[in-house]
Amino acid sequence: MQLYQVNGTVTLSRAHPSFLGASLKTTEAYGDVLLGRKTNDPDLVVVWDDLGASEGSIIAVSDGAEAAQPFRPSQKPVDAYNAAIIDELNI
């Protein structure tokens, strides 16, 4: 699991029926944000979000095969899943 910061929302003109009830968010690795590695062309990851994260939120993301596990036995075409919204982070 890794931390990401939400940059925006993905808008689809047509979506897979299993996407109902959630949204897709564009995110950037939070480590890059903390270290000041902001660029005009960030490495964005699209994340499945059914928790309601807003732009600027820090979220915990599960990716790869583990991302689809919360939906078992049904199948969803996801590669990254928002597992938690971080309220406070002390470093």
N, C-alpha and C. Protein backbone atom coordinates (compact mmCIF):
# COMPACT_ATOMS: atom_id res chain seq x y z
N MET A 1 0.84 -1.17 0.00
CA MET A 1 0.00 0.00 0.00
C MET A 1 0.89 1.23 0.00
N GLN A 2 0.50 2.22 -0.79
CA GLN A 2 1.29 3.45 -0.91
C GLN A 2 0.38 4.66 -0.75
N LEU A 3 0.99 5.81 -0.45
CA LEU A 3 0.23 7.05 -0.32
C LEU A 3 0.27 7.84 -1.62
N TYR A 4 -0.90 8.37 -2.00
CA TYR A 4 -1.03 9.19 -3.20
C TYR A 4 -1.85 10.43 -2.86
N GLN A 5 -1.67 11.48 -3.65
CA GLN A 5 -2.49 12.68 -3.50
C GLN A 5 -3.40 12.79 -4.72
N VAL A 6 -4.69 13.06 -4.47
CA VAL A 6 -5.67 13.15 -5.55
C VAL A 6 -5.48 14.47 -6.29
N ASN A 7 -5.38 14.37 -7.64
CA ASN A 7 -5.23 15.56 -8.49
C ASN A 7 -6.53 15.95 -9.18
N GLY A 8 -7.38 14.98 -9.47
CA GLY A 8 -8.60 15.27 -10.22
C GLY A 8 -9.44 14.03 -10.41
N THR A 9 -10.48 14.17 -11.25
CA THR A 9 -11.42 13.09 -11.52
C THR A 9 -11.39 12.74 -12.99
N VAL A 10 -11.51 11.46 -13.29
CA VAL A 10 -11.59 10.99 -14.67
C VAL A 10 -13.06 10.98 -15.08
N THR A 11 -13.35 11.57 -16.25
CA THR A 11 -14.71 11.59 -16.76
C THR A 11 -14.80 10.65 -17.96
N LEU A 12 -15.77 9.75 -17.92
CA LEU A 12 -15.95 8.78 -18.99
C LEU A 12 -17.27 9.05 -19.71
N SER A 13 -17.27 8.98 -21.02
CA SER A 13 -18.53 9.13 -21.75
C SER A 13 -19.32 7.82 -21.69
N ARG A 14 -18.63 6.70 -21.67
CA ARG A 14 -19.24 5.39 -21.48
C ARG A 14 -18.37 4.62 -20.51
N ALA A 15 -19.00 3.95 -19.57
CA ALA A 15 -18.23 3.22 -18.57
C ALA A 15 -18.72 1.78 -18.48
N HIS A 16 -17.85 0.91 -18.01
CA HIS A 16 -18.21 -0.47 -17.76
C HIS A 16 -19.32 -0.50 -16.70
N PRO A 17 -20.34 -1.34 -16.84
CA PRO A 17 -21.44 -1.37 -15.87
C PRO A 17 -21.01 -1.58 -14.42
N SER A 18 -19.89 -2.25 -14.20
CA SER A 18 -19.43 -2.47 -12.83
C SER A 18 -18.86 -1.21 -12.18
N PHE A 19 -18.73 -0.12 -12.92
CA PHE A 19 -18.21 1.13 -12.37
C PHE A 19 -19.27 1.95 -11.66
N LEU A 20 -20.53 1.52 -11.67
CA LEU A 20 -21.59 2.28 -11.02
C LEU A 20 -21.33 2.40 -9.52
N GLY A 21 -21.57 3.58 -8.97
CA GLY A 21 -21.42 3.79 -7.54
C GLY A 21 -20.05 4.26 -7.09
N ALA A 22 -19.14 4.47 -8.01
CA ALA A 22 -17.80 4.93 -7.64
C ALA A 22 -17.29 5.86 -8.73
N SER A 23 -16.10 6.40 -8.51
CA SER A 23 -15.49 7.27 -9.51
C SER A 23 -14.03 6.91 -9.66
N LEU A 24 -13.43 7.40 -10.73
CA LEU A 24 -12.01 7.20 -10.96
C LEU A 24 -11.29 8.52 -10.70
N LYS A 25 -10.23 8.47 -9.94
CA LYS A 25 -9.45 9.66 -9.58
C LYS A 25 -8.06 9.57 -10.17
N THR A 26 -7.53 10.72 -10.61
CA THR A 26 -6.12 10.78 -11.00
C THR A 26 -5.32 11.15 -9.76
N THR A 27 -4.22 10.45 -9.54
CA THR A 27 -3.42 10.67 -8.35
C THR A 27 -1.94 10.72 -8.70
N GLU A 28 -1.20 11.30 -7.79
CA GLU A 28 0.26 11.40 -7.92
C GLU A 28 0.88 10.85 -6.64
N ALA A 29 2.00 10.14 -6.75
CA ALA A 29 2.66 9.56 -5.58
C ALA A 29 2.94 10.67 -4.56
N TYR A 30 2.52 10.44 -3.30
CA TYR A 30 2.66 11.48 -2.29
C TYR A 30 4.11 11.73 -1.92
N GLY A 31 4.98 10.74 -2.06
CA GLY A 31 6.41 10.94 -1.80
C GLY A 31 6.99 12.00 -2.71
N ASP A 32 6.55 12.03 -3.98
CA ASP A 32 7.02 13.05 -4.92
C ASP A 32 6.56 14.43 -4.49
N VAL A 33 5.34 14.52 -3.98
CA VAL A 33 4.80 15.81 -3.51
C VAL A 33 5.58 16.29 -2.30
N LEU A 34 5.85 15.40 -1.34
CA LEU A 34 6.59 15.77 -0.13
C LEU A 34 8.00 16.26 -0.44
N LEU A 35 8.63 15.62 -1.41
CA LEU A 35 10.01 15.97 -1.75
C LEU A 35 10.11 17.11 -2.74
N GLY A 36 8.97 17.69 -3.13
CA GLY A 36 8.98 18.82 -4.04
C GLY A 36 9.28 18.44 -5.47
N ARG A 37 8.99 17.23 -5.86
CA ARG A 37 9.26 16.77 -7.22
C ARG A 37 8.08 17.06 -8.15
N LYS A 38 7.41 18.17 -7.96
CA LYS A 38 6.30 18.56 -8.82
C LYS A 38 6.83 18.90 -10.20
N THR A 39 6.23 18.31 -11.21
CA THR A 39 6.60 18.60 -12.59
C THR A 39 5.35 18.96 -13.38
N ASN A 40 5.53 19.49 -14.56
CA ASN A 40 4.39 19.80 -15.42
C ASN A 40 3.78 18.53 -16.00
N ASP A 41 4.51 17.42 -15.97
CA ASP A 41 4.04 16.16 -16.52
C ASP A 41 4.22 15.05 -15.47
N PRO A 42 3.38 15.05 -14.39
CA PRO A 42 3.57 14.07 -13.32
C PRO A 42 3.19 12.66 -13.77
N ASP A 43 3.70 11.66 -13.08
CA ASP A 43 3.37 10.27 -13.33
C ASP A 43 2.06 9.97 -12.60
N LEU A 44 0.94 10.04 -13.34
CA LEU A 44 -0.38 9.89 -12.74
C LEU A 44 -0.82 8.43 -12.71
N VAL A 45 -1.54 8.07 -11.65
CA VAL A 45 -2.12 6.74 -11.51
C VAL A 45 -3.62 6.94 -11.36
N VAL A 46 -4.41 6.19 -12.14
CA VAL A 46 -5.87 6.26 -12.04
C VAL A 46 -6.31 5.25 -10.99
N VAL A 47 -7.10 5.74 -10.00
CA VAL A 47 -7.48 4.94 -8.84
C VAL A 47 -9.00 4.84 -8.74
N TRP A 48 -9.51 3.64 -8.48
CA TRP A 48 -10.93 3.41 -8.21
C TRP A 48 -11.23 3.97 -6.82
N ASP A 49 -12.25 4.83 -6.72
CA ASP A 49 -12.56 5.48 -5.44
C ASP A 49 -14.05 5.37 -5.16
N ASP A 50 -14.40 4.60 -4.13
CA ASP A 50 -15.79 4.55 -3.69
C ASP A 50 -15.94 5.14 -2.29
N LEU A 51 -14.86 5.79 -1.79
CA LEU A 51 -14.90 6.43 -0.47
C LEU A 51 -15.21 7.91 -0.55
N GLY A 52 -15.10 8.52 -1.73
CA GLY A 52 -15.42 9.93 -1.89
C GLY A 52 -14.27 10.89 -1.63
N ALA A 53 -13.06 10.52 -1.98
CA ALA A 53 -11.91 11.41 -1.82
C ALA A 53 -12.07 12.62 -2.73
N SER A 54 -11.67 13.78 -2.23
CA SER A 54 -11.75 15.00 -3.02
C SER A 54 -10.37 15.42 -3.49
N GLU A 55 -10.32 16.40 -4.38
CA GLU A 55 -9.05 16.88 -4.89
C GLU A 55 -8.19 17.41 -3.74
N GLY A 56 -6.94 16.98 -3.72
CA GLY A 56 -6.01 17.38 -2.66
C GLY A 56 -5.94 16.39 -1.51
N SER A 57 -6.86 15.43 -1.45
CA SER A 57 -6.85 14.43 -0.38
C SER A 57 -5.65 13.51 -0.51
N ILE A 58 -5.15 13.05 0.63
CA ILE A 58 -4.10 12.03 0.65
C ILE A 58 -4.80 10.70 0.88
N ILE A 59 -4.52 9.72 0.03
CA ILE A 59 -5.20 8.44 0.13
C ILE A 59 -4.20 7.31 0.16
N ALA A 60 -4.60 6.18 0.77
CA ALA A 60 -3.80 4.96 0.78
C ALA A 60 -4.30 4.09 -0.36
N VAL A 61 -3.41 3.68 -1.25
CA VAL A 61 -3.79 2.96 -2.46
C VAL A 61 -3.20 1.55 -2.46
N SER A 62 -4.09 0.59 -2.72
CA SER A 62 -3.67 -0.78 -2.94
C SER A 62 -3.67 -0.99 -4.45
N ASP A 63 -2.59 -1.56 -4.99
CA ASP A 63 -2.55 -1.73 -6.44
C ASP A 63 -2.17 -3.15 -6.81
N GLY A 64 -2.25 -3.44 -8.09
CA GLY A 64 -1.95 -4.77 -8.58
C GLY A 64 -3.10 -5.73 -8.29
N ALA A 65 -2.79 -7.01 -8.11
CA ALA A 65 -3.81 -8.03 -7.89
C ALA A 65 -4.61 -7.77 -6.63
N GLU A 66 -4.00 -7.16 -5.62
CA GLU A 66 -4.70 -6.89 -4.36
C GLU A 66 -5.81 -5.86 -4.52
N ALA A 67 -5.75 -5.05 -5.55
CA ALA A 67 -6.75 -4.00 -5.76
C ALA A 67 -8.13 -4.57 -6.04
N ALA A 68 -8.21 -5.73 -6.64
CA ALA A 68 -9.51 -6.33 -6.98
C ALA A 68 -10.06 -7.20 -5.85
N GLN A 69 -9.28 -7.48 -4.82
CA GLN A 69 -9.71 -8.38 -3.76
C GLN A 69 -10.94 -7.90 -2.97
N PRO A 70 -11.13 -6.60 -2.69
CA PRO A 70 -12.31 -6.19 -1.93
C PRO A 70 -13.63 -6.48 -2.64
N PHE A 71 -13.60 -6.73 -3.93
CA PHE A 71 -14.82 -6.92 -4.70
C PHE A 71 -15.19 -8.39 -4.89
N ARG A 72 -14.39 -9.32 -4.42
CA ARG A 72 -14.65 -10.74 -4.63
C ARG A 72 -15.97 -11.12 -4.03
N PRO A 73 -16.78 -11.95 -4.63
CA PRO A 73 -16.53 -12.77 -5.80
C PRO A 73 -16.82 -12.07 -7.13
N SER A 74 -17.44 -10.88 -7.10
CA SER A 74 -17.66 -10.19 -8.38
C SER A 74 -16.34 -9.65 -8.90
N GLN A 75 -16.30 -9.38 -10.19
CA GLN A 75 -15.06 -8.92 -10.82
C GLN A 75 -15.20 -7.48 -11.28
N LYS A 76 -14.18 -6.68 -11.03
CA LYS A 76 -14.14 -5.29 -11.48
C LYS A 76 -12.81 -5.06 -12.19
N PRO A 77 -12.82 -4.32 -13.29
CA PRO A 77 -11.58 -4.06 -14.03
C PRO A 77 -10.78 -2.93 -13.41
N VAL A 78 -10.18 -3.17 -12.24
CA VAL A 78 -9.40 -2.13 -11.55
C VAL A 78 -7.97 -2.61 -11.33
N ASP A 79 -7.04 -1.65 -11.32
CA ASP A 79 -5.65 -1.96 -11.05
C ASP A 79 -5.14 -1.22 -9.82
N ALA A 80 -5.91 -0.21 -9.37
CA ALA A 80 -5.54 0.53 -8.16
C ALA A 80 -6.82 0.92 -7.43
N TYR A 81 -6.84 0.75 -6.11
CA TYR A 81 -8.04 0.90 -5.30
C TYR A 81 -7.76 1.81 -4.11
N ASN A 82 -8.63 2.79 -3.87
CA ASN A 82 -8.50 3.67 -2.71
C ASN A 82 -8.98 2.92 -1.48
N ALA A 83 -8.05 2.54 -0.60
CA ALA A 83 -8.39 1.76 0.58
C ALA A 83 -8.67 2.64 1.80
N ALA A 84 -8.17 3.88 1.81
CA ALA A 84 -8.37 4.77 2.96
C ALA A 84 -8.08 6.22 2.58
N ILE A 85 -8.79 7.13 3.24
CA ILE A 85 -8.51 8.56 3.12
C ILE A 85 -7.77 8.95 4.40
N ILE A 86 -6.60 9.56 4.24
CA ILE A 86 -5.77 9.92 5.39
C ILE A 86 -6.19 11.30 5.89
N ASP A 87 -6.66 11.37 7.15
CA ASP A 87 -7.08 12.63 7.73
C ASP A 87 -5.90 13.48 8.18
N GLU A 88 -4.90 12.81 8.79
CA GLU A 88 -3.77 13.54 9.35
C GLU A 88 -2.52 12.69 9.19
N LEU A 89 -1.42 13.34 8.85
CA LEU A 89 -0.16 12.63 8.66
C LEU A 89 0.94 13.41 9.37
N ASN A 90 1.59 12.79 10.33
CA ASN A 90 2.70 13.41 11.06
C ASN A 90 3.98 12.68 10.69
N ILE A 91 4.96 13.46 10.23
CA ILE A 91 6.24 12.87 9.83
C ILE A 91 7.32 13.40 10.76
